[in-house]
C-alpha cells in the first residue's frame, strides 16, 4: 500500500451504516500490469513441487 500512497493512486470511501450504528471505510487502487508467464516457460524451469 505504500507504493500506491507514494503515487497518490488510492481512493478512500467512508460509509455510515445507521442501522448498525457504525462506520465502514474502503480503500482501493490499481496495480501495474504484470507480464504473464506461459506454461511452456514454467515447464523449462526447475520443479518446486510435484503432485502425485
Protein backbone atom coordinates (compact mmCIF):
# COMPACT_ATOMS: atom_id res chain seq x y z
CA UNK A 1 0.00 0.00 0.00
CA UNK A 2 3.00 2.26 0.47
CA UNK A 3 3.75 2.24 -3.27
CA UNK A 4 0.20 3.33 -4.01
CA UNK A 5 0.41 6.06 -1.38
CA UNK A 6 3.61 7.38 -2.96
CA UNK A 7 2.00 7.50 -6.40
CA UNK A 8 -1.17 9.05 -4.95
CA UNK A 9 -3.39 6.44 -6.60
CA UNK A 10 -5.56 5.45 -3.64
CA UNK A 11 -9.31 6.03 -3.41
CA UNK A 12 -10.95 6.10 0.01
CA UNK A 13 -14.69 5.69 0.60
CA UNK A 14 -16.27 6.16 4.04
CA UNK A 15 -19.81 4.98 4.70
CA UNK A 16 -22.13 5.26 7.67
CA UNK A 17 -24.44 2.32 8.34
CA UNK A 18 -27.14 3.91 10.53
CA UNK A 19 -28.91 0.57 11.17
CA UNK A 20 -25.77 -0.89 12.78
CA UNK A 21 -24.55 2.49 14.09
CA UNK A 22 -21.05 2.08 12.67
CA UNK A 23 -18.75 3.49 10.03
CA UNK A 24 -17.06 1.49 7.28
CA UNK A 25 -14.08 2.58 5.22
CA UNK A 26 -12.80 1.11 1.96
CA UNK A 27 -9.55 1.74 0.13
CA UNK A 28 -8.99 0.76 -3.49
CA UNK A 29 -6.18 1.14 -6.00
CA UNK A 30 -4.97 -0.16 -9.33
CA UNK A 31 -1.79 -2.13 -9.79
CA UNK A 32 0.56 -2.03 -12.73
CA UNK A 33 0.17 -4.68 -15.40
CA UNK A 34 2.43 -7.70 -14.98
CA UNK A 35 3.76 -9.78 -17.86
CA UNK A 36 2.21 -13.25 -17.78
CA UNK A 37 4.34 -16.38 -17.86
CA UNK A 38 3.11 -19.05 -20.22
CA UNK A 39 3.03 -22.72 -19.23
CA UNK A 40 5.83 -23.69 -21.64
CA UNK A 41 8.18 -21.23 -19.88
CA UNK A 42 7.32 -22.68 -16.48
CA UNK A 43 7.97 -26.23 -17.69
CA UNK A 44 11.53 -25.28 -18.72
CA UNK A 45 12.43 -24.17 -15.18
CA UNK A 46 13.24 -26.23 -12.10
CA UNK A 47 10.40 -28.05 -10.34
CA UNK A 48 9.44 -26.62 -6.97
CA UNK A 49 6.69 -29.10 -6.13
CA UNK A 50 5.02 -32.00 -7.84
CA UNK A 51 1.64 -33.57 -7.08
CA UNK A 52 1.27 -37.34 -7.06
